[in-house]
Protein backbone atom coordinates (compact mmCIF):
# COMPACT_ATOMS: atom_id res chain seq x y z
CA UNK A 1 -36.25 69.87 -1.88
CA UNK A 2 -34.43 67.06 -0.17
CA UNK A 3 -30.23 67.04 -1.06
CA UNK A 4 -30.88 63.46 -2.68
CA UNK A 5 -33.37 64.87 -5.05
CA UNK A 6 -31.01 67.86 -5.49
CA UNK A 7 -27.83 65.74 -6.30
CA UNK A 8 -30.01 63.27 -8.38
CA UNK A 9 -31.11 66.56 -10.80
CA UNK A 10 -27.45 67.67 -11.33
CA UNK A 11 -26.34 64.69 -12.18
CA UNK A 12 -29.44 63.82 -14.43
CA UNK A 13 -28.22 66.87 -16.04
CA UNK A 14 -24.63 66.39 -16.83
CA UNK A 15 -25.41 63.29 -18.08
CA UNK A 16 -28.29 63.86 -20.39
CA UNK A 17 -26.91 67.15 -21.35
CA UNK A 18 -23.34 65.31 -22.71
CA UNK A 19 -26.01 62.56 -24.31
CA UNK A 20 -27.62 65.32 -26.17
CA UNK A 21 -24.53 67.34 -27.17
CA UNK A 22 -23.28 64.36 -28.71
CA UNK A 23 -26.50 63.13 -30.20
CA UNK A 24 -27.36 66.25 -31.79
CA UNK A 25 -23.74 66.62 -33.52
CA UNK A 26 -23.84 62.66 -34.79
CA UNK A 27 -27.12 63.18 -36.53
CA UNK A 28 -26.70 66.95 -37.80
CA UNK A 29 -23.07 66.15 -39.16
CA UNK A 30 -24.16 63.20 -41.09
CA UNK A 31 -27.52 64.64 -42.66
CA UNK A 32 -25.26 68.00 -43.44
CA UNK A 33 -22.37 65.62 -45.27
CA UNK A 34 -24.48 62.59 -46.85
CA UNK A 35 -28.19 64.80 -47.68
CA UNK A 36 -29.15 61.31 -47.27
CA UNK A 37 -32.53 60.39 -44.75
CA UNK A 38 -31.84 56.49 -45.15
CA UNK A 39 -28.16 57.66 -43.37
CA UNK A 40 -29.33 59.98 -40.94
CA UNK A 41 -31.84 57.14 -39.91
CA UNK A 42 -29.27 54.44 -39.77
CA UNK A 43 -27.27 56.96 -36.83
CA UNK A 44 -30.58 57.00 -35.44
CA UNK A 45 -30.79 53.34 -35.55
CA UNK A 46 -27.47 52.75 -34.06
CA UNK A 47 -28.67 55.13 -30.90
CA UNK A 48 -31.66 53.07 -30.48
CA UNK A 49 -31.13 49.44 -31.04
CA UNK A 50 -28.93 48.81 -28.37
CA UNK A 51 -31.87 50.28 -25.54
CA UNK A 52 -33.91 47.59 -27.22
CA UNK A 53 -32.05 44.49 -26.72
CA UNK A 54 -30.48 45.46 -23.48
CA UNK A 55 -33.12 47.07 -21.29
CA UNK A 56 -34.47 43.65 -19.83
CA UNK A 57 -31.18 43.20 -19.27
CA UNK A 58 -30.61 46.51 -17.56
CA UNK A 59 -33.80 45.41 -15.67
CA UNK A 60 -32.69 42.10 -14.48
CA UNK A 61 -29.41 43.83 -13.08
CA UNK A 62 -30.85 46.41 -11.26
CA UNK A 63 -32.83 44.13 -9.55
CA UNK A 64 -29.78 42.10 -8.78
CA UNK A 65 -26.60 43.96 -8.32
CA UNK A 66 -25.92 47.44 -6.24
CA UNK A 67 -27.87 50.23 -8.29
CA UNK A 68 -25.32 52.80 -7.10
CA UNK A 69 -22.63 51.27 -8.61
CA UNK A 70 -24.39 50.82 -12.01
CA UNK A 71 -25.38 54.20 -12.45
CA UNK A 72 -21.58 55.77 -11.52
CA UNK A 73 -19.87 52.75 -13.15
CA UNK A 74 -21.87 53.84 -16.57
CA UNK A 75 -21.22 57.43 -16.52
CA UNK A 76 -17.65 56.92 -15.91
CA UNK A 77 -17.48 54.42 -19.09
CA UNK A 78 -19.57 57.05 -21.00
CA UNK A 79 -16.44 59.58 -20.32
CA UNK A 80 -13.78 57.21 -21.10
CA UNK A 81 -15.20 56.30 -24.95
CA UNK A 82 -15.81 60.29 -25.62
CA UNK A 83 -12.47 60.25 -24.62
CA UNK A 84 -10.94 57.37 -27.14
CA UNK A 85 -13.43 58.94 -29.68
CA UNK A 86 -11.76 62.44 -29.19
CA UNK A 87 -8.17 60.89 -29.51
CA UNK A 88 -9.34 59.10 -32.60
CA UNK A 89 -11.03 62.27 -34.15
CA UNK A 90 -7.75 64.49 -33.69
CA UNK A 91 -5.36 62.15 -36.20
CA UNK A 92 -8.03 60.56 -38.14
CA UNK A 93 -11.30 61.49 -40.28
CA UNK A 94 -14.80 60.18 -38.89
CA UNK A 95 -16.94 58.94 -40.95
CA UNK A 96 -21.23 57.62 -40.40
CA UNK A 97 -19.96 54.56 -38.97
CA UNK A 98 -17.73 56.23 -36.23
CA UNK A 99 -20.81 58.47 -35.02
CA UNK A 100 -22.83 54.84 -35.33
CA UNK A 101 -20.63 52.76 -33.15
CA UNK A 102 -20.17 55.78 -30.61
CA UNK A 103 -23.96 56.74 -30.49
CA UNK A 104 -24.39 52.45 -29.85
CA UNK A 105 -21.86 52.49 -27.08
CA UNK A 106 -23.53 55.65 -25.24
CA UNK A 107 -26.77 54.29 -25.75
CA UNK A 108 -26.13 50.72 -24.46
CA UNK A 109 -24.49 52.65 -21.13
CA UNK A 110 -27.57 55.29 -21.25
CA UNK A 111 -29.88 52.16 -21.09
CA UNK A 112 -28.33 50.70 -17.80
CA UNK A 113 -28.17 54.38 -16.26
CA UNK A 114 -31.55 55.22 -17.26
CA UNK A 115 -33.65 51.78 -15.89
CA UNK A 116 -31.64 51.48 -12.93
CA UNK A 117 -32.35 55.44 -11.73
CA UNK A 118 -35.78 55.21 -12.98
CA UNK A 119 -36.49 51.99 -11.31
CA UNK A 120 -34.39 53.51 -7.97
CA UNK A 121 -36.55 56.67 -7.39
CA UNK A 122 -38.78 54.94 -4.66
CA UNK A 123 -35.83 54.27 -3.01
CA UNK A 124 -34.18 57.77 -3.10
CA UNK A 125 -37.56 59.95 -2.53
CA UNK A 126 -40.37 59.82 -0.03
CA UNK A 127 -43.74 59.19 -2.12
CA UNK A 128 -44.98 62.29 -1.75
CA UNK A 129 -42.01 63.61 -3.77
CA UNK A 130 -42.19 61.11 -6.25
CA UNK A 131 -44.20 63.16 -8.66
CA UNK A 132 -42.08 66.25 -8.02
CA UNK A 133 -39.24 63.84 -8.91
CA UNK A 134 -40.41 62.39 -11.78
CA UNK A 135 -41.48 66.25 -13.43
CA UNK A 136 -38.37 67.62 -12.50
CA UNK A 137 -36.19 64.61 -13.99
CA UNK A 138 -37.98 65.57 -17.22
CA UNK A 139 -37.47 69.46 -16.54
CA UNK A 140 -33.54 68.27 -16.70
CA UNK A 141 -34.09 66.28 -19.80
CA UNK A 142 -35.82 69.23 -21.63
CA UNK A 143 -33.68 71.86 -19.93
CA UNK A 144 -30.95 69.69 -21.84
CA UNK A 145 -32.84 69.38 -25.17
CA UNK A 146 -33.02 73.12 -25.12
CA UNK A 147 -29.80 74.53 -24.34
CA UNK A 148 -27.47 71.40 -26.18
CA UNK A 149 -28.71 71.79 -29.81
CA UNK A 150 -28.33 75.54 -30.03
CA UNK A 151 -24.77 74.99 -27.88
CA UNK A 152 -23.93 72.57 -29.93
CA UNK A 153 -25.09 73.98 -33.53
CA UNK A 154 -23.11 77.25 -32.29
CA UNK A 155 -19.72 75.21 -31.41
CA UNK A 156 -19.65 72.68 -34.32
CA UNK A 157 -19.21 75.81 -36.46
CA UNK A 158 -16.11 77.09 -34.43
CA UNK A 159 -14.85 73.98 -32.97
CA UNK A 160 -13.63 70.64 -34.71
CA UNK A 161 -15.60 67.32 -33.78
CA UNK A 162 -12.33 66.07 -31.35
CA UNK A 163 -12.39 69.29 -29.23
CA UNK A 164 -15.93 69.59 -29.17
CA UNK A 165 -16.28 66.27 -27.36
CA UNK A 166 -14.28 67.32 -24.95
CA UNK A 167 -16.99 69.51 -23.43
CA UNK A 168 -19.92 66.11 -23.25
CA UNK A 169 -16.92 64.15 -21.93
CA UNK A 170 -16.07 66.62 -18.72
CA UNK A 171 -19.99 66.42 -18.27
CA UNK A 172 -20.04 62.84 -18.15
CA UNK A 173 -17.28 62.94 -15.37
CA UNK A 174 -18.90 65.43 -13.45
CA UNK A 175 -22.57 63.50 -13.57
CA UNK A 176 -20.45 60.58 -11.79
CA UNK A 177 -19.05 62.75 -9.34
CA UNK A 178 -22.54 64.25 -8.25
CA UNK A 179 -24.12 60.50 -8.43
CA UNK A 180 -21.62 58.90 -5.94
CA UNK A 181 -22.95 61.18 -3.46
CA UNK A 182 -26.60 59.58 -3.57
CA UNK A 183 -28.22 57.78 -0.53
CA UNK A 184 -30.43 54.60 -1.15
CA UNK A 185 -32.79 54.30 1.75
CA UNK A 186 -33.69 50.40 2.29
CA UNK A 187 -37.38 49.48 1.45
CA UNK A 188 -38.68 46.24 3.22
CA UNK A 189 -40.34 44.01 0.54
CA UNK A 190 -41.34 40.18 0.11
CA UNK A 191 -38.79 39.31 -2.99
CA UNK A 192 -38.61 36.19 -4.30
CA UNK A 193 -35.96 33.39 -3.59
CA UNK A 194 -32.63 34.67 -5.87
CA UNK A 195 -32.32 32.51 -8.52
CA UNK A 196 -28.61 32.15 -10.26
CA UNK A 197 -30.20 32.54 -13.62
CA UNK A 198 -30.72 35.92 -15.24
CA UNK A 199 -33.01 34.38 -17.78
CA UNK A 200 -35.01 33.32 -15.07
CA UNK A 201 -35.22 36.55 -13.51
CA UNK A 202 -36.27 38.07 -16.93
CA UNK A 203 -38.88 35.81 -17.45
CA UNK A 204 -40.31 36.54 -13.89
CA UNK A 205 -40.40 39.84 -14.48
CA UNK A 206 -41.91 39.40 -17.88
CA UNK A 207 -44.72 37.44 -16.19
CA UNK A 208 -45.69 39.49 -13.66
CA UNK A 209 -45.71 42.37 -16.29
CA UNK A 210 -48.50 40.87 -18.46
CA UNK A 211 -50.24 39.85 -15.45
CA UNK A 212 -51.04 43.43 -14.99
CA UNK A 213 -53.77 44.25 -17.59
CA UNK A 214 -53.66 48.16 -17.89
CA UNK A 215 -49.72 48.31 -18.07
CA UNK A 216 -50.21 45.23 -20.82
CA UNK A 217 -52.33 47.50 -22.63
CA UNK A 218 -50.38 50.48 -22.41
CA UNK A 219 -47.42 48.36 -23.68
CA UNK A 220 -48.88 47.17 -26.59
CA UNK A 221 -50.20 51.18 -27.23
CA UNK A 222 -46.97 52.09 -27.18
CA UNK A 223 -45.48 49.64 -29.34
CA UNK A 224 -47.79 50.89 -32.04
CA UNK A 225 -47.44 54.54 -31.06
CA UNK A 226 -43.62 54.29 -30.98
CA UNK A 227 -43.74 53.37 -34.66
CA UNK A 228 -45.24 56.32 -35.89
CA UNK A 229 -43.93 58.66 -33.86
CA UNK A 230 -40.67 57.95 -35.56
CA UNK A 231 -42.27 58.93 -38.84
CA UNK A 232 -42.22 62.90 -37.04
CA UNK A 233 -38.73 62.21 -35.86
CA UNK A 234 -37.07 61.33 -39.39
CA UNK A 235 -39.04 63.27 -41.45
CA UNK A 236 -39.07 66.75 -39.22
CA UNK A 237 -35.33 67.52 -39.64
CA UNK A 238 -35.59 66.64 -43.67
CA UNK A 239 -38.12 69.35 -44.17
CA UNK A 240 -36.38 71.76 -42.15
CA UNK A 241 -32.54 71.24 -43.22
CA UNK A 242 -33.04 69.74 -47.23
CA UNK A 243 -36.37 71.41 -47.95
CA UNK A 244 -36.76 74.48 -46.16
CA UNK A 245 -32.85 75.04 -45.89
CA UNK A 246 -32.75 76.44 -42.49
CA UNK A 247 -29.03 76.94 -41.13
CA UNK A 248 -27.73 74.30 -38.38
CA UNK A 249 -28.50 77.01 -35.84
CA UNK A 250 -32.19 77.53 -36.66
CA UNK A 251 -32.47 74.02 -36.90
CA UNK A 252 -30.66 74.38 -33.07
CA UNK A 253 -33.16 76.76 -32.03
CA UNK A 254 -36.18 74.89 -33.53
CA UNK A 255 -35.28 71.72 -31.89
CA UNK A 256 -34.73 73.93 -28.48
CA UNK A 257 -38.26 75.06 -28.62
CA UNK A 258 -39.88 71.35 -28.04
CA UNK A 259 -37.62 71.09 -24.91
CA UNK A 260 -38.60 74.75 -23.88
CA UNK A 261 -42.57 73.25 -24.24
CA UNK A 262 -41.29 70.15 -22.58
CA UNK A 263 -39.62 72.06 -19.53
CA UNK A 264 -42.59 74.49 -18.97
CA UNK A 265 -44.63 71.16 -18.99
CA UNK A 266 -42.62 69.27 -16.38
CA UNK A 267 -42.32 72.51 -13.87
CA UNK A 268 -46.20 72.70 -14.08
CA UNK A 269 -46.77 69.32 -12.98
CA UNK A 270 -43.98 69.58 -10.40
CA UNK A 271 -46.23 71.91 -8.66
CA UNK A 272 -48.71 70.83 -5.95
CA UNK A 273 -51.61 72.23 -7.88
CA UNK A 274 -51.17 70.40 -11.13
CA UNK A 275 -51.38 66.87 -9.61
CA UNK A 276 -52.11 64.38 -12.16
CA UNK A 277 -55.45 63.13 -10.78
CA UNK A 278 -56.49 60.78 -13.75
CA UNK A 279 -53.66 59.57 -15.49
CA UNK A 280 -54.79 57.60 -17.91
CA UNK A 281 -57.35 60.37 -19.30
CA UNK A 282 -54.80 62.66 -19.42
CA UNK A 283 -52.59 60.20 -21.20
CA UNK A 284 -55.37 59.34 -24.16
CA UNK A 285 -55.99 63.30 -24.28
CA UNK A 286 -52.27 64.05 -24.69
CA UNK A 287 -51.27 61.28 -27.80
CA UNK A 288 -55.11 62.30 -29.22
CA UNK A 289 -53.64 65.96 -29.52
CA UNK A 290 -50.19 65.05 -31.02
CA UNK A 291 -51.86 62.94 -33.58
CA UNK A 292 -53.88 66.03 -34.40
CA UNK A 293 -50.58 68.13 -34.65
CA UNK A 294 -48.71 65.57 -36.92
CA UNK A 295 -49.86 67.21 -40.32
CA UNK A 296 -48.98 70.93 -39.25
CA UNK A 297 -45.04 70.61 -40.29
CA UNK A 298 -46.12 70.04 -44.16
CA UNK A 299 -48.44 73.63 -44.30
CA UNK A 300 -44.90 75.48 -45.21
CA UNK A 301 -44.28 73.06 -47.56
CA UNK A 302 -47.41 73.70 -49.41
CA UNK A 303 -47.34 77.31 -49.28
CA UNK A 304 -50.16 77.64 -46.55
CA UNK A 305 -47.58 79.37 -43.95
CA UNK A 306 -46.10 82.56 -45.63
CA UNK A 307 -42.11 81.93 -45.88
CA UNK A 308 -41.16 84.85 -43.91
CA UNK A 309 -43.40 83.37 -41.02
CA UNK A 310 -41.89 79.93 -41.33
CA UNK A 311 -39.06 79.85 -38.64
CA UNK A 312 -41.75 80.94 -36.02
CA UNK A 313 -44.44 78.92 -37.30
CA UNK A 314 -41.96 75.69 -36.14
CA UNK A 315 -41.03 77.34 -33.31
CA UNK A 316 -44.83 77.38 -32.02
CA UNK A 317 -45.31 73.82 -32.92
CA UNK A 318 -41.94 72.12 -31.80
CA UNK A 319 -42.90 74.27 -28.31
CA UNK A 320 -46.35 72.54 -28.58
CA UNK A 321 -45.75 69.13 -29.05
CA UNK A 322 -42.95 69.19 -26.53
CA UNK A 323 -45.50 70.39 -23.98
CA UNK A 324 -48.21 68.15 -24.97
CA UNK A 325 -45.83 64.82 -24.99
CA UNK A 326 -44.91 65.57 -21.29
CA UNK A 327 -48.33 65.15 -20.23
CA UNK A 328 -48.21 61.77 -21.43
CA UNK A 329 -45.11 60.54 -20.15
CA UNK A 330 -45.44 61.17 -16.62
CA UNK A 331 -48.98 59.41 -16.37
CA UNK A 332 -47.11 56.40 -17.65
CA UNK A 333 -44.47 56.64 -15.08
CA UNK A 334 -46.45 57.08 -12.39
CA UNK A 335 -48.62 53.98 -12.73
CA UNK A 336 -45.76 51.86 -13.39
CA UNK A 337 -43.91 53.33 -10.23
CA UNK A 338 -47.00 53.04 -7.66
CA UNK A 339 -48.46 49.92 -9.26
CA UNK A 340 -45.41 47.76 -9.48
CA UNK A 341 -44.03 45.19 -6.79
CA UNK A 342 -40.45 46.84 -5.96
CA UNK A 343 -38.78 43.49 -6.09
CA UNK A 344 -40.08 43.60 -10.08
CA UNK A 345 -39.42 47.43 -10.41
CA UNK A 346 -36.32 47.14 -12.42
CA UNK A 347 -37.19 43.85 -14.32
CA UNK A 348 -40.44 45.41 -15.04
CA UNK A 349 -39.40 48.76 -16.57
CA UNK A 350 -36.70 46.76 -18.38
CA UNK A 351 -39.20 45.07 -20.02
CA UNK A 352 -41.55 47.91 -20.84
CA UNK A 353 -38.84 49.75 -22.35
CA UNK A 354 -37.42 47.16 -24.63
CA UNK A 355 -41.04 45.97 -26.31
CA UNK A 356 -42.18 50.06 -26.14
CA UNK A 357 -39.00 50.72 -28.33
CA UNK A 358 -38.62 47.28 -30.20
CA UNK A 359 -40.57 48.72 -33.10
CA UNK A 360 -38.70 51.98 -33.61
CA UNK A 361 -35.62 50.32 -35.36
CA UNK A 362 -38.05 49.18 -38.30
CA UNK A 363 -39.57 52.72 -38.26
CA UNK A 364 -36.29 54.60 -38.75
CA UNK A 365 -35.26 52.21 -41.52
CA UNK A 366 -39.04 52.23 -43.02
CA UNK A 367 -39.36 55.88 -42.90
CA UNK A 368 -36.00 56.78 -43.64
CA UNK A 369 -36.05 54.80 -46.95
CA UNK A 370 -39.30 56.02 -47.91
CA UNK A 371 -38.09 59.50 -46.91
CA UNK A 372 -36.03 59.33 -50.05
CA UNK A 373 -38.89 57.59 -52.49
CA UNK A 374 -42.08 58.73 -51.48
CA UNK A 375 -44.40 62.12 -50.55
CA UNK A 376 -43.60 63.69 -47.13
CA UNK A 377 -47.42 64.38 -47.12
CA UNK A 378 -48.46 60.50 -47.11
CA UNK A 379 -45.96 59.40 -44.77
CA UNK A 380 -47.30 61.87 -42.07
CA UNK A 381 -50.80 61.35 -42.88
CA UNK A 382 -50.73 58.13 -42.45
CA UNK A 383 -48.88 58.24 -39.11
CA UNK A 384 -51.12 60.66 -38.34
CA UNK A 385 -54.28 58.23 -38.80
CA UNK A 386 -52.19 55.54 -36.92
CA UNK A 387 -52.08 57.89 -34.13
CA UNK A 388 -55.86 58.51 -33.70
CA UNK A 389 -56.59 55.06 -34.09
CA UNK A 390 -54.25 53.20 -31.68
CA UNK A 391 -55.51 56.15 -29.25
CA UNK A 392 -59.10 55.20 -29.78
CA UNK A 393 -58.62 51.46 -29.43
CA UNK A 394 -56.59 51.98 -26.29
CA UNK A 395 -59.51 54.17 -24.70
CA UNK A 396 -62.19 51.87 -25.56
CA UNK A 397 -60.24 48.77 -24.09
CA UNK A 398 -59.60 50.68 -20.96
CA UNK A 399 -62.90 52.52 -21.06
CA UNK A 400 -63.62 50.94 -17.37
CA UNK A 401 -60.72 52.14 -16.22
CA UNK A 402 -60.90 55.51 -16.95
CA UNK A 403 -64.81 55.65 -15.55
CA UNK A 404 -63.32 54.33 -12.09
CA UNK A 405 -60.63 57.01 -12.41
CA UNK A 406 -63.33 59.77 -12.31
CA UNK A 407 -65.25 58.10 -9.89
CA UNK A 408 -62.36 58.03 -7.79
CA UNK A 409 -62.05 61.87 -8.30
CA UNK A 410 -65.47 62.88 -7.35
CA UNK A 411 -65.60 60.54 -4.47
CA UNK A 412 -62.28 62.37 -3.24
CA UNK A 413 -63.83 65.91 -3.74
CA UNK A 414 -67.11 64.96 -1.84
CA UNK A 415 -65.28 63.69 1.13
CA UNK A 416 -63.41 66.90 1.07
CA UNK A 417 -66.32 68.91 0.84
CA UNK A 418 -67.46 67.23 3.63
CA UNK A 419 -64.03 67.71 5.72
CA UNK A 420 -64.36 71.33 5.07
CA UNK A 421 -68.59 71.67 5.97
CA UNK A 422 -67.38 69.82 9.08
CA UNK A 423 -65.15 71.88 10.17
């Protein structure tokens, strides 16, 4: 493992762990104090909307500005915001609006960090290390999602919010120090003439993206899929905390199981023997499996799962979903990074992220509202059906590309066999 990858992973872990700690505490505190699905959804919305609005801007600026400076500046700024929040919480009561404001600011900075960092991987890592880098970054994300909920649920019982905030504040500071040591290599590529207009740069990235047929189809799929995925994100805590009366620590442990599934899957994909040879097929299979699992959280509510098995049941469910979801994320990242001209990579990733997440605010508000008035069974049932229909349409549209992947794989195997026989 190269030193650059080691520095990247450590800095990424500190940053993600800090963000996961605050995000978990913000949502859990609001849901516990208000018992309102709508207010909980509003906190989630505040942590999502800035990413949708700012991703294209982050993509344009990452192609124009010094990427290392962007990465370090966002980490320092995140620590500064948490310092102000901790100071305020020391002397004044904290309400839902305060959590929304801080979540929105941290998400805005995280957007610039994420788009810039992911579009810089081809300048930080060799091509042979690219899938390993993507997988290990996902492992870091998974590890933070395992440890953060458990640690946050434990510390929240003993530490007031202003003292708790000092931990993510320190982690953002450490992330900035490690990211200062990253070494970017120069990749020669033909770049269009620089223009003074950010809007012109954004338009060029937008046009470039929608000339790529496969990527365009994946974007449209993601738009619909994310809408239905958000149903589970909103409904899941309500089922566990309000209906089944799980404790914050139990809820944190179940959330950690989701991260454990992500972690195991990402570690496996970091090994050469688990190299993804057919990204599109892997993507479609994974999303279809998640769609089939969508109704599983309802079984304990219907008394199909015995009450003394409920905790273990949700641990297994979360682990399984996490394992499968990761196998849909990595193929998309590889397709984008390998098929996009480096001159457009930041803008393409920014536009993709913005469009893919653009439907999420509507989903958060709608499902948050419906959770207070409509049967949870109906919400998850419709979402499961929507996922399966969307995957079927996407597969049909890209069926020739899926077959081409299969043909390439068979050709590669034949070539290896011929080479082995000749030797």
